[in-house]
Amino acid sequence: CTFNRFVKDERIDSFEHRCSDCGFRET
């Protein structure tokens, strides 16, 4: 699970789940 926060004119919190093996990914 990867979390990033970007702040400029608005705040964007992004999340990604990625498998280390098969490449399964959801964001």
mmCIF file of all heavy atoms, coordinates in Angstrom:
data_MODEL
# 
_entry.id   MODEL 
# 
loop_
_atom_site.group_PDB 
_atom_site.id 
_atom_site.type_symbol 
_atom_site.label_atom_id 
_atom_site.label_alt_id 
_atom_site.label_comp_id 
_atom_site.label_asym_id 
_atom_site.label_entity_id 
_atom_site.label_seq_id 
_atom_site.pdbx_PDB_ins_code 
_atom_site.Cartn_x 
_atom_site.Cartn_y 
_atom_site.Cartn_z 
_atom_site.occupancy 
_atom_site.B_iso_or_equiv 
_atom_site.pdbx_formal_charge 
_atom_site.auth_seq_id 
_atom_site.auth_comp_id 
_atom_site.auth_asym_id 
_atom_site.auth_atom_id 
_atom_site.pdbx_PDB_model_num 
ATOM 1   N N   . CYS A 1 1  ? 0.863  -1.177  0.000   1.00 0.00 ? 1  CYS A N   1 
ATOM 2   C CA  . CYS A 1 1  ? 0.000  0.000   0.000   1.00 0.00 ? 1  CYS A CA  1 
ATOM 3   C C   . CYS A 1 1  ? 0.901  1.229   0.000   1.00 0.00 ? 1  CYS A C   1 
ATOM 4   O O   . CYS A 1 1  ? 1.738  1.382   0.895   1.00 0.00 ? 1  CYS A O   1 
ATOM 5   C CB  . CYS A 1 1  ? -0.899 0.003   1.240   1.00 0.00 ? 1  CYS A CB  1 
ATOM 6   S SG  . CYS A 1 1  ? -1.958 1.471   1.381   1.00 0.00 ? 1  CYS A SG  1 
ATOM 7   N N   . THR A 1 2  ? 0.755  2.078   -1.007  1.00 0.00 ? 2  THR A N   1 
ATOM 8   C CA  . THR A 1 2  ? 1.560  3.289   -1.127  1.00 0.00 ? 2  THR A CA  1 
ATOM 9   C C   . THR A 1 2  ? 0.658  4.508   -1.030  1.00 0.00 ? 2  THR A C   1 
ATOM 10  O O   . THR A 1 2  ? -0.372 4.581   -1.709  1.00 0.00 ? 2  THR A O   1 
ATOM 11  C CB  . THR A 1 2  ? 2.305  3.321   -2.478  1.00 0.00 ? 2  THR A CB  1 
ATOM 12  O OG1 . THR A 1 2  ? 3.105  2.145   -2.593  1.00 0.00 ? 2  THR A OG1 1 
ATOM 13  C CG2 . THR A 1 2  ? 3.187  4.550   -2.598  1.00 0.00 ? 2  THR A CG2 1 
ATOM 14  N N   . PHE A 1 3  ? 1.063  5.461   -0.181  1.00 0.00 ? 3  PHE A N   1 
ATOM 15  C CA  . PHE A 1 3  ? 0.313  6.707   0.012   1.00 0.00 ? 3  PHE A CA  1 
ATOM 16  C C   . PHE A 1 3  ? 1.197  7.881   -0.373  1.00 0.00 ? 3  PHE A C   1 
ATOM 17  O O   . PHE A 1 3  ? 2.367  7.933   -0.003  1.00 0.00 ? 3  PHE A O   1 
ATOM 18  C CB  . PHE A 1 3  ? -0.108 6.839   1.483   1.00 0.00 ? 3  PHE A CB  1 
ATOM 19  C CG  . PHE A 1 3  ? -0.633 8.201   1.841   1.00 0.00 ? 3  PHE A CG  1 
ATOM 20  C CD1 . PHE A 1 3  ? -1.871 8.604   1.406   1.00 0.00 ? 3  PHE A CD1 1 
ATOM 21  C CD2 . PHE A 1 3  ? 0.110  9.067   2.621   1.00 0.00 ? 3  PHE A CD2 1 
ATOM 22  C CE1 . PHE A 1 3  ? -2.364 9.865   1.731   1.00 0.00 ? 3  PHE A CE1 1 
ATOM 23  C CE2 . PHE A 1 3  ? -0.368 10.314  2.957   1.00 0.00 ? 3  PHE A CE2 1 
ATOM 24  C CZ  . PHE A 1 3  ? -1.606 10.714  2.515   1.00 0.00 ? 3  PHE A CZ  1 
ATOM 25  N N   . ASN A 1 4  ? 0.631  8.832   -1.127  1.00 0.00 ? 4  ASN A N   1 
ATOM 26  C CA  . ASN A 1 4  ? 1.298  10.086  -1.484  1.00 0.00 ? 4  ASN A CA  1 
ATOM 27  C C   . ASN A 1 4  ? 0.348  11.241  -1.219  1.00 0.00 ? 4  ASN A C   1 
ATOM 28  O O   . ASN A 1 4  ? -0.859 11.116  -1.447  1.00 0.00 ? 4  ASN A O   1 
ATOM 29  C CB  . ASN A 1 4  ? 1.665  10.125  -2.973  1.00 0.00 ? 4  ASN A CB  1 
ATOM 30  C CG  . ASN A 1 4  ? 2.889  9.330   -3.289  1.00 0.00 ? 4  ASN A CG  1 
ATOM 31  O OD1 . ASN A 1 4  ? 3.965  9.613   -2.797  1.00 0.00 ? 4  ASN A OD1 1 
ATOM 32  N ND2 . ASN A 1 4  ? 2.738  8.307   -4.110  1.00 0.00 ? 4  ASN A ND2 1 
ATOM 33  N N   . ARG A 1 5  ? 0.890  12.368  -0.782  1.00 0.00 ? 5  ARG A N   1 
ATOM 34  C CA  . ARG A 1 5  ? 0.085  13.587  -0.629  1.00 0.00 ? 5  ARG A CA  1 
ATOM 35  C C   . ARG A 1 5  ? 0.759  14.695  -1.412  1.00 0.00 ? 5  ARG A C   1 
ATOM 36  O O   . ARG A 1 5  ? 1.942  14.936  -1.276  1.00 0.00 ? 5  ARG A O   1 
ATOM 37  C CB  . ARG A 1 5  ? -0.022 13.985  0.840   1.00 0.00 ? 5  ARG A CB  1 
ATOM 38  C CG  . ARG A 1 5  ? -0.761 15.319  1.013   1.00 0.00 ? 5  ARG A CG  1 
ATOM 39  C CD  . ARG A 1 5  ? -1.080 15.624  2.445   1.00 0.00 ? 5  ARG A CD  1 
ATOM 40  N NE  . ARG A 1 5  ? -2.178 14.751  2.853   1.00 0.00 ? 5  ARG A NE  1 
ATOM 41  C CZ  . ARG A 1 5  ? -2.466 14.498  4.122   1.00 0.00 ? 5  ARG A CZ  1 
ATOM 42  N NH1 . ARG A 1 5  ? -1.763 15.017  5.089   1.00 0.00 ? 5  ARG A NH1 1 
ATOM 43  N NH2 . ARG A 1 5  ? -3.481 13.703  4.413   1.00 0.00 ? 5  ARG A NH2 1 
ATOM 44  N N   . PHE A 1 6  ? -0.046 15.370  -2.238  1.00 0.00 ? 6  PHE A N   1 
ATOM 45  C CA  . PHE A 1 6  ? 0.412  16.504  -3.030  1.00 0.00 ? 6  PHE A CA  1 
ATOM 46  C C   . PHE A 1 6  ? -0.433 17.706  -2.633  1.00 0.00 ? 6  PHE A C   1 
ATOM 47  O O   . PHE A 1 6  ? -1.660 17.603  -2.545  1.00 0.00 ? 6  PHE A O   1 
ATOM 48  C CB  . PHE A 1 6  ? 0.219  16.232  -4.529  1.00 0.00 ? 6  PHE A CB  1 
ATOM 49  C CG  . PHE A 1 6  ? 0.844  14.939  -4.978  1.00 0.00 ? 6  PHE A CG  1 
ATOM 50  C CD1 . PHE A 1 6  ? 0.090  13.776  -5.050  1.00 0.00 ? 6  PHE A CD1 1 
ATOM 51  C CD2 . PHE A 1 6  ? 2.177  14.879  -5.314  1.00 0.00 ? 6  PHE A CD2 1 
ATOM 52  C CE1 . PHE A 1 6  ? 0.654  12.576  -5.460  1.00 0.00 ? 6  PHE A CE1 1 
ATOM 53  C CE2 . PHE A 1 6  ? 2.754  13.684  -5.727  1.00 0.00 ? 6  PHE A CE2 1 
ATOM 54  C CZ  . PHE A 1 6  ? 1.988  12.537  -5.802  1.00 0.00 ? 6  PHE A CZ  1 
ATOM 55  N N   . VAL A 1 7  ? 0.207  18.848  -2.405  1.00 0.00 ? 7  VAL A N   1 
ATOM 56  C CA  . VAL A 1 7  ? -0.543 20.049  -2.038  1.00 0.00 ? 7  VAL A CA  1 
ATOM 57  C C   . VAL A 1 7  ? -0.075 21.192  -2.925  1.00 0.00 ? 7  VAL A C   1 
ATOM 58  O O   . VAL A 1 7  ? 1.111  21.505  -2.987  1.00 0.00 ? 7  VAL A O   1 
ATOM 59  C CB  . VAL A 1 7  ? -0.332 20.425  -0.549  1.00 0.00 ? 7  VAL A CB  1 
ATOM 60  C CG1 . VAL A 1 7  ? -1.110 21.686  -0.215  1.00 0.00 ? 7  VAL A CG1 1 
ATOM 61  C CG2 . VAL A 1 7  ? -0.724 19.292  0.362   1.00 0.00 ? 7  VAL A CG2 1 
ATOM 62  N N   . LYS A 1 8  ? -1.029 21.806  -3.609  1.00 0.00 ? 8  LYS A N   1 
ATOM 63  C CA  . LYS A 1 8  ? -0.760 23.022  -4.380  1.00 0.00 ? 8  LYS A CA  1 
ATOM 64  C C   . LYS A 1 8  ? -2.015 23.872  -4.256  1.00 0.00 ? 8  LYS A C   1 
ATOM 65  O O   . LYS A 1 8  ? -2.250 24.427  -3.200  1.00 0.00 ? 8  LYS A O   1 
ATOM 66  C CB  . LYS A 1 8  ? -0.416 22.702  -5.827  1.00 0.00 ? 8  LYS A CB  1 
ATOM 67  C CG  . LYS A 1 8  ? 0.139  23.900  -6.553  1.00 0.00 ? 8  LYS A CG  1 
ATOM 68  C CD  . LYS A 1 8  ? 0.697  23.568  -7.906  1.00 0.00 ? 8  LYS A CD  1 
ATOM 69  C CE  . LYS A 1 8  ? 1.209  24.835  -8.545  1.00 0.00 ? 8  LYS A CE  1 
ATOM 70  N NZ  . LYS A 1 8  ? 1.807  24.607  -9.815  1.00 0.00 ? 8  LYS A NZ  1 
ATOM 71  N N   . ASP A 1 9  ? -2.832 23.963  -5.293  1.00 0.00 ? 9  ASP A N   1 
ATOM 72  C CA  . ASP A 1 9  ? -4.096 24.692  -5.211  1.00 0.00 ? 9  ASP A CA  1 
ATOM 73  C C   . ASP A 1 9  ? -5.144 23.873  -4.470  1.00 0.00 ? 9  ASP A C   1 
ATOM 74  O O   . ASP A 1 9  ? -6.125 24.409  -3.982  1.00 0.00 ? 9  ASP A O   1 
ATOM 75  C CB  . ASP A 1 9  ? -4.624 25.041  -6.608  1.00 0.00 ? 9  ASP A CB  1 
ATOM 76  C CG  . ASP A 1 9  ? -3.686 25.982  -7.340  1.00 0.00 ? 9  ASP A CG  1 
ATOM 77  O OD1 . ASP A 1 9  ? -2.983 26.755  -6.657  1.00 0.00 ? 9  ASP A OD1 1 
ATOM 78  O OD2 . ASP A 1 9  ? -3.652 25.934  -8.576  1.00 0.00 ? 9  ASP A OD2 1 
ATOM 79  N N   . GLU A 1 10 ? -4.942 22.569  -4.421  1.00 0.00 ? 10 GLU A N   1 
ATOM 80  C CA  . GLU A 1 10 ? -5.809 21.660  -3.684  1.00 0.00 ? 10 GLU A CA  1 
ATOM 81  C C   . GLU A 1 10 ? -4.932 20.539  -3.137  1.00 0.00 ? 10 GLU A C   1 
ATOM 82  O O   . GLU A 1 10 ? -3.792 20.380  -3.536  1.00 0.00 ? 10 GLU A O   1 
ATOM 83  C CB  . GLU A 1 10 ? -6.911 21.103  -4.576  1.00 0.00 ? 10 GLU A CB  1 
ATOM 84  C CG  . GLU A 1 10 ? -6.405 20.348  -5.780  1.00 0.00 ? 10 GLU A CG  1 
ATOM 85  C CD  . GLU A 1 10 ? -7.504 20.012  -6.765  1.00 0.00 ? 10 GLU A CD  1 
ATOM 86  O OE1 . GLU A 1 10 ? -8.678 20.151  -6.429  1.00 0.00 ? 10 GLU A OE1 1 
ATOM 87  O OE2 . GLU A 1 10 ? -7.169 19.604  -7.867  1.00 0.00 ? 10 GLU A OE2 1 
ATOM 88  N N   . ARG A 1 11 ? -5.464 19.796  -2.207  1.00 0.00 ? 11 ARG A N   1 
ATOM 89  C CA  . ARG A 1 11 ? -4.718 18.665  -1.645  1.00 0.00 ? 11 ARG A CA  1 
ATOM 90  C C   . ARG A 1 11 ? -5.197 17.392  -2.327  1.00 0.00 ? 11 ARG A C   1 
ATOM 91  O O   . ARG A 1 11 ? -6.401 17.174  -2.460  1.00 0.00 ? 11 ARG A O   1 
ATOM 92  C CB  . ARG A 1 11 ? -4.973 18.575  -0.145  1.00 0.00 ? 11 ARG A CB  1 
ATOM 93  C CG  . ARG A 1 11 ? -4.152 17.481  0.519   1.00 0.00 ? 11 ARG A CG  1 
ATOM 94  C CD  . ARG A 1 11 ? -4.327 17.520  2.010   1.00 0.00 ? 11 ARG A CD  1 
ATOM 95  N NE  . ARG A 1 11 ? -5.224 16.455  2.410   1.00 0.00 ? 11 ARG A NE  1 
ATOM 96  C CZ  . ARG A 1 11 ? -5.579 16.211  3.658   1.00 0.00 ? 11 ARG A CZ  1 
ATOM 97  N NH1 . ARG A 1 11 ? -5.166 16.982  4.632   1.00 0.00 ? 11 ARG A NH1 1 
ATOM 98  N NH2 . ARG A 1 11 ? -6.378 15.217  3.943   1.00 0.00 ? 11 ARG A NH2 1 
ATOM 99  N N   . ILE A 1 12 ? -4.253 16.589  -2.775  1.00 0.00 ? 12 ILE A N   1 
ATOM 100 C CA  . ILE A 1 12 ? -4.576 15.308  -3.395  1.00 0.00 ? 12 ILE A CA  1 
ATOM 101 C C   . ILE A 1 12 ? -3.870 14.213  -2.612  1.00 0.00 ? 12 ILE A C   1 
ATOM 102 O O   . ILE A 1 12 ? -2.645 14.222  -2.473  1.00 0.00 ? 12 ILE A O   1 
ATOM 103 C CB  . ILE A 1 12 ? -4.144 15.260  -4.873  1.00 0.00 ? 12 ILE A CB  1 
ATOM 104 C CG1 . ILE A 1 12 ? -4.836 16.370  -5.652  1.00 0.00 ? 12 ILE A CG1 1 
ATOM 105 C CG2 . ILE A 1 12 ? -4.442 13.890  -5.466  1.00 0.00 ? 12 ILE A CG2 1 
ATOM 106 C CD1 . ILE A 1 12 ? -4.351 16.526  -7.069  1.00 0.00 ? 12 ILE A CD1 1 
ATOM 107 N N   . ASP A 1 13 ? -4.663 13.305  -2.064  1.00 0.00 ? 13 ASP A N   1 
ATOM 108 C CA  . ASP A 1 13 ? -4.139 12.131  -1.379  1.00 0.00 ? 13 ASP A CA  1 
ATOM 109 C C   . ASP A 1 13 ? -4.331 10.952  -2.321  1.00 0.00 ? 13 ASP A C   1 
ATOM 110 O O   . ASP A 1 13 ? -5.452 10.668  -2.732  1.00 0.00 ? 13 ASP A O   1 
ATOM 111 C CB  . ASP A 1 13 ? -4.899 11.880  -0.069  1.00 0.00 ? 13 ASP A CB  1 
ATOM 112 C CG  . ASP A 1 13 ? -4.681 12.991  0.940   1.00 0.00 ? 13 ASP A CG  1 
ATOM 113 O OD1 . ASP A 1 13 ? -3.545 13.485  1.044   1.00 0.00 ? 13 ASP A OD1 1 
ATOM 114 O OD2 . ASP A 1 13 ? -5.647 13.362  1.630   1.00 0.00 ? 13 ASP A OD2 1 
ATOM 115 N N   . SER A 1 14 ? -3.233 10.291  -2.687  1.00 0.00 ? 14 SER A N   1 
ATOM 116 C CA  . SER A 1 14 ? -3.346 9.170   -3.616  1.00 0.00 ? 14 SER A CA  1 
ATOM 117 C C   . SER A 1 14 ? -2.926 7.874   -2.947  1.00 0.00 ? 14 SER A C   1 
ATOM 118 O O   . SER A 1 14 ? -2.021 7.845   -2.108  1.00 0.00 ? 14 SER A O   1 
ATOM 119 C CB  . SER A 1 14 ? -2.508 9.413   -4.874  1.00 0.00 ? 14 SER A CB  1 
ATOM 120 O OG  . SER A 1 14 ? -1.134 9.325   -4.587  1.00 0.00 ? 14 SER A OG  1 
ATOM 121 N N   . PHE A 1 15 ? -3.607 6.805   -3.338  1.00 0.00 ? 15 PHE A N   1 
ATOM 122 C CA  . PHE A 1 15 ? -3.368 5.473   -2.784  1.00 0.00 ? 15 PHE A CA  1 
ATOM 123 C C   . PHE A 1 15 ? -3.168 4.494   -3.928  1.00 0.00 ? 15 PHE A C   1 
ATOM 124 O O   . PHE A 1 15 ? -3.836 4.581   -4.948  1.00 0.00 ? 15 PHE A O   1 
ATOM 125 C CB  . PHE A 1 15 ? -4.575 5.014   -1.964  1.00 0.00 ? 15 PHE A CB  1 
ATOM 126 C CG  . PHE A 1 15 ? -4.878 5.911   -0.802  1.00 0.00 ? 15 PHE A CG  1 
ATOM 127 C CD1 . PHE A 1 15 ? -5.739 6.982   -0.943  1.00 0.00 ? 15 PHE A CD1 1 
ATOM 128 C CD2 . PHE A 1 15 ? -4.292 5.683   0.426   1.00 0.00 ? 15 PHE A CD2 1 
ATOM 129 C CE1 . PHE A 1 15 ? -6.019 7.813   0.122   1.00 0.00 ? 15 PHE A CE1 1 
ATOM 130 C CE2 . PHE A 1 15 ? -4.569 6.508   1.500   1.00 0.00 ? 15 PHE A CE2 1 
ATOM 131 C CZ  . PHE A 1 15 ? -5.431 7.570   1.351   1.00 0.00 ? 15 PHE A CZ  1 
ATOM 132 N N   . GLU A 1 16 ? -2.244 3.567   -3.729  1.00 0.00 ? 16 GLU A N   1 
ATOM 133 C CA  . GLU A 1 16 ? -2.027 2.513   -4.710  1.00 0.00 ? 16 GLU A CA  1 
ATOM 134 C C   . GLU A 1 16 ? -1.774 1.211   -3.972  1.00 0.00 ? 16 GLU A C   1 
ATOM 135 O O   . GLU A 1 16 ? -1.016 1.172   -3.006  1.00 0.00 ? 16 GLU A O   1 
ATOM 136 C CB  . GLU A 1 16 ? -0.815 2.817   -5.584  1.00 0.00 ? 16 GLU A CB  1 
ATOM 137 C CG  . GLU A 1 16 ? -0.517 1.699   -6.573  1.00 0.00 ? 16 GLU A CG  1 
ATOM 138 C CD  . GLU A 1 16 ? 0.761  1.933   -7.338  1.00 0.00 ? 16 GLU A CD  1 
ATOM 139 O OE1 . GLU A 1 16 ? 1.842  1.879   -6.715  1.00 0.00 ? 16 GLU A OE1 1 
ATOM 140 O OE2 . GLU A 1 16 ? 0.672  2.141   -8.546  1.00 0.00 ? 16 GLU A OE2 1 
ATOM 141 N N   . HIS A 1 17 ? -2.425 0.153   -4.415  1.00 0.00 ? 17 HIS A N   1 
ATOM 142 C CA  . HIS A 1 17 ? -2.132 -1.202  -3.966  1.00 0.00 ? 17 HIS A CA  1 
ATOM 143 C C   . HIS A 1 17 ? -1.545 -1.928  -5.162  1.00 0.00 ? 17 HIS A C   1 
ATOM 144 O O   . HIS A 1 17 ? -2.146 -1.948  -6.232  1.00 0.00 ? 17 HIS A O   1 
ATOM 145 C CB  . HIS A 1 17 ? -3.408 -1.919  -3.496  1.00 0.00 ? 17 HIS A CB  1 
ATOM 146 C CG  . HIS A 1 17 ? -3.756 -1.631  -2.082  1.00 0.00 ? 17 HIS A CG  1 
ATOM 147 N ND1 . HIS A 1 17 ? -4.573 -2.455  -1.350  1.00 0.00 ? 17 HIS A ND1 1 
ATOM 148 C CD2 . HIS A 1 17 ? -3.401 -0.620  -1.258  1.00 0.00 ? 17 HIS A CD2 1 
ATOM 149 C CE1 . HIS A 1 17 ? -4.697 -1.961  -0.129  1.00 0.00 ? 17 HIS A CE1 1 
ATOM 150 N NE2 . HIS A 1 17 ? -4.010 -0.841  -0.053  1.00 0.00 ? 17 HIS A NE2 1 
ATOM 151 N N   . ARG A 1 18 ? -0.357 -2.523  -4.966  1.00 0.00 ? 18 ARG A N   1 
ATOM 152 C CA  . ARG A 1 18 ? 0.323  -3.216  -6.069  1.00 0.00 ? 18 ARG A CA  1 
ATOM 153 C C   . ARG A 1 18 ? 0.942  -4.506  -5.547  1.00 0.00 ? 18 ARG A C   1 
ATOM 154 O O   . ARG A 1 18 ? 1.574  -4.523  -4.502  1.00 0.00 ? 18 ARG A O   1 
ATOM 155 C CB  . ARG A 1 18 ? 1.411  -2.333  -6.666  1.00 0.00 ? 18 ARG A CB  1 
ATOM 156 C CG  . ARG A 1 18 ? 2.108  -2.976  -7.859  1.00 0.00 ? 18 ARG A CG  1 
ATOM 157 C CD  . ARG A 1 18 ? 3.231  -2.124  -8.370  1.00 0.00 ? 18 ARG A CD  1 
ATOM 158 N NE  . ARG A 1 18 ? 2.766  -0.881  -8.921  1.00 0.00 ? 18 ARG A NE  1 
ATOM 159 C CZ  . ARG A 1 18 ? 2.682  -0.609  -10.216 1.00 0.00 ? 18 ARG A CZ  1 
ATOM 160 N NH1 . ARG A 1 18 ? 3.042  -1.512  -11.093 1.00 0.00 ? 18 ARG A NH1 1 
ATOM 161 N NH2 . ARG A 1 18 ? 2.256  0.550   -10.631 1.00 0.00 ? 18 ARG A NH2 1 
ATOM 162 N N   . CYS A 1 19 ? 0.780  -5.564  -6.339  1.00 0.00 ? 19 CYS A N   1 
ATOM 163 C CA  . CYS A 1 19 ? 1.365  -6.862  -5.999  1.00 0.00 ? 19 CYS A CA  1 
ATOM 164 C C   . CYS A 1 19 ? 2.822  -6.904  -6.444  1.00 0.00 ? 19 CYS A C   1 
ATOM 165 O O   . CYS A 1 19 ? 3.155  -6.453  -7.541  1.00 0.00 ? 19 CYS A O   1 
ATOM 166 C CB  . CYS A 1 19 ? 0.593  -7.994  -6.673  1.00 0.00 ? 19 CYS A CB  1 
ATOM 167 S SG  . CYS A 1 19 ? 1.319  -9.630  -6.415  1.00 0.00 ? 19 CYS A SG  1 
ATOM 168 N N   . SER A 1 20 ? 3.672  -7.459  -5.605  1.00 0.00 ? 20 SER A N   1 
ATOM 169 C CA  . SER A 1 20 ? 5.096  -7.580  -5.935  1.00 0.00 ? 20 SER A CA  1 
ATOM 170 C C   . SER A 1 20 ? 5.376  -8.673  -6.960  1.00 0.00 ? 20 SER A C   1 
ATOM 171 O O   . SER A 1 20 ? 6.456  -8.742  -7.518  1.00 0.00 ? 20 SER A O   1 
ATOM 172 C CB  . SER A 1 20 ? 5.886  -7.879  -4.657  1.00 0.00 ? 20 SER A CB  1 
ATOM 173 O OG  . SER A 1 20 ? 5.455  -9.114  -4.096  1.00 0.00 ? 20 SER A OG  1 
ATOM 174 N N   . ASP A 1 21 ? 4.381  -9.507  -7.230  1.00 0.00 ? 21 ASP A N   1 
ATOM 175 C CA  . ASP A 1 21 ? 4.601  -10.659 -8.109  1.00 0.00 ? 21 ASP A CA  1 
ATOM 176 C C   . ASP A 1 21 ? 3.879  -10.550 -9.454  1.00 0.00 ? 21 ASP A C   1 
ATOM 177 O O   . ASP A 1 21 ? 4.510  -10.576 -10.499 1.00 0.00 ? 21 ASP A O   1 
ATOM 178 C CB  . ASP A 1 21 ? 4.121  -11.926 -7.392  1.00 0.00 ? 21 ASP A CB  1 
ATOM 179 C CG  . ASP A 1 21 ? 5.135  -13.030 -7.381  1.00 0.00 ? 21 ASP A CG  1 
ATOM 180 O OD1 . ASP A 1 21 ? 6.335  -12.727 -7.463  1.00 0.00 ? 21 ASP A OD1 1 
ATOM 181 O OD2 . ASP A 1 21 ? 4.719  -14.188 -7.281  1.00 0.00 ? 21 ASP A OD2 1 
ATOM 182 N N   . CYS A 1 22 ? 2.555  -10.440 -9.424  1.00 0.00 ? 22 CYS A N   1 
ATOM 183 C CA  . CYS A 1 22 ? 1.772  -10.556 -10.654 1.00 0.00 ? 22 CYS A CA  1 
ATOM 184 C C   . CYS A 1 22 ? 1.422  -9.220  -11.310 1.00 0.00 ? 22 CYS A C   1 
ATOM 185 O O   . CYS A 1 22 ? 0.892  -9.190  -12.405 1.00 0.00 ? 22 CYS A O   1 
ATOM 186 C CB  . CYS A 1 22 ? 0.480  -11.337 -10.392 1.00 0.00 ? 22 CYS A CB  1 
ATOM 187 S SG  . CYS A 1 22 ? -0.777 -10.428 -9.466  1.00 0.00 ? 22 CYS A SG  1 
ATOM 188 N N   . GLY A 1 23 ? 1.690  -8.112  -10.641 1.00 0.00 ? 23 GLY A N   1 
ATOM 189 C CA  . GLY A 1 23 ? 1.385  -6.814  -11.232 1.00 0.00 ? 23 GLY A CA  1 
ATOM 190 C C   . GLY A 1 23 ? -0.015 -6.316  -10.949 1.00 0.00 ? 23 GLY A C   1 
ATOM 191 O O   . GLY A 1 23 ? -0.411 -5.261  -11.443 1.00 0.00 ? 23 GLY A O   1 
ATOM 192 N N   . PHE A 1 24 ? -0.812 -7.049  -10.175 1.00 0.00 ? 24 PHE A N   1 
ATOM 193 C CA  . PHE A 1 24 ? -2.138 -6.566  -9.759  1.00 0.00 ? 24 PHE A CA  1 
ATOM 194 C C   . PHE A 1 24 ? -1.975 -5.155  -9.204  1.00 0.00 ? 24 PHE A C   1 
ATOM 195 O O   . PHE A 1 24 ? -1.052 -4.872  -8.443  1.00 0.00 ? 24 PHE A O   1 
ATOM 196 C CB  . PHE A 1 24 ? -2.704 -7.501  -8.680  1.00 0.00 ? 24 PHE A CB  1 
ATOM 197 C CG  . PHE A 1 24 ? -3.903 -6.943  -7.951  1.00 0.00 ? 24 PHE A CG  1 
ATOM 198 C CD1 . PHE A 1 24 ? -5.154 -6.995  -8.526  1.00 0.00 ? 24 PHE A CD1 1 
ATOM 199 C CD2 . PHE A 1 24 ? -3.759 -6.385  -6.693  1.00 0.00 ? 24 PHE A CD2 1 
ATOM 200 C CE1 . PHE A 1 24 ? -6.261 -6.483  -7.855  1.00 0.00 ? 24 PHE A CE1 1 
ATOM 201 C CE2 . PHE A 1 24 ? -4.854 -5.870  -6.018  1.00 0.00 ? 24 PHE A CE2 1 
ATOM 202 C CZ  . PHE A 1 24 ? -6.107 -5.924  -6.596  1.00 0.00 ? 24 PHE A CZ  1 
ATOM 203 N N   . ARG A 1 25 ? -2.891 -4.257  -9.605  1.00 0.00 ? 25 ARG A N   1 
ATOM 204 C CA  . ARG A 1 25 ? -2.764 -2.861  -9.200  1.00 0.00 ? 25 ARG A CA  1 
ATOM 205 C C   . ARG A 1 25 ? -4.131 -2.224  -9.136  1.00 0.00 ? 25 ARG A C   1 
ATOM 206 O O   . ARG A 1 25 ? -4.961 -2.416  -10.023 1.00 0.00 ? 25 ARG A O   1 
ATOM 207 C CB  . ARG A 1 25 ? -1.895 -2.125  -10.214 1.00 0.00 ? 25 ARG A CB  1 
ATOM 208 C CG  . ARG A 1 25 ? -1.687 -0.677  -9.934  1.00 0.00 ? 25 ARG A CG  1 
ATOM 209 C CD  . ARG A 1 25 ? -0.717 -0.109  -10.991 1.00 0.00 ? 25 ARG A CD  1 
ATOM 210 N NE  . ARG A 1 25 ? -0.603 1.301   -10.837 1.00 0.00 ? 25 ARG A NE  1 
ATOM 211 C CZ  . ARG A 1 25 ? -1.099 2.216   -11.659 1.00 0.00 ? 25 ARG A CZ  1 
ATOM 212 N NH1 . ARG A 1 25 ? -1.739 1.822   -12.747 1.00 0.00 ? 25 ARG A NH1 1 
ATOM 213 N NH2 . ARG A 1 25 ? -0.965 3.490   -11.442 1.00 0.00 ? 25 ARG A NH2 1 
ATOM 214 N N   . GLU A 1 26 ? -4.361 -1.430  -8.079  1.00 0.00 ? 26 GLU A N   1 
ATOM 215 C CA  . GLU A 1 26 ? -5.553 -0.594  -8.002  1.00 0.00 ? 26 GLU A CA  1 
ATOM 216 C C   . GLU A 1 26 ? -5.142 0.732   -7.392  1.00 0.00 ? 26 GLU A C   1 
ATOM 217 O O   . GLU A 1 26 ? -4.278 0.786   -6.519  1.00 0.00 ? 26 GLU A O   1 
ATOM 218 C CB  . GLU A 1 26 ? -6.681 -1.267  -7.218  1.00 0.00 ? 26 GLU A CB  1 
ATOM 219 C CG  . GLU A 1 26 ? -6.326 -1.774  -5.850  1.00 0.00 ? 26 GLU A CG  1 
ATOM 220 C CD  . GLU A 1 26 ? -7.439 -2.606  -5.229  1.00 0.00 ? 26 GLU A CD  1 
ATOM 221 O OE1 . GLU A 1 26 ? -8.545 -2.683  -5.787  1.00 0.00 ? 26 GLU A OE1 1 
ATOM 222 O OE2 . GLU A 1 26 ? -7.186 -3.180  -4.169  1.00 0.00 ? 26 GLU A OE2 1 
ATOM 223 N N   . THR A 1 27 ? -5.731 1.825   -7.903  1.00 0.00 ? 27 THR A N   1 
ATOM 224 C CA  . THR A 1 27 ? -5.366 3.162   -7.446  1.00 0.00 ? 27 THR A CA  1 
ATOM 225 C C   . THR A 1 27 ? -6.613 4.004   -7.216  1.00 0.00 ? 27 THR A C   1 
ATOM 226 O O   . THR A 1 27 ? -7.665 3.749   -7.812  1.00 0.00 ? 27 THR A O   1 
ATOM 227 C CB  . THR A 1 27 ? -4.486 3.895   -8.481  1.00 0.00 ? 27 THR A CB  1 
ATOM 228 O OG1 . THR A 1 27 ? -5.226 4.057   -9.685  1.00 0.00 ? 27 THR A OG1 1 
ATOM 229 C CG2 . THR A 1 27 ? -3.201 3.146   -8.762  1.00 0.00 ? 27 THR A CG2 1 
# 
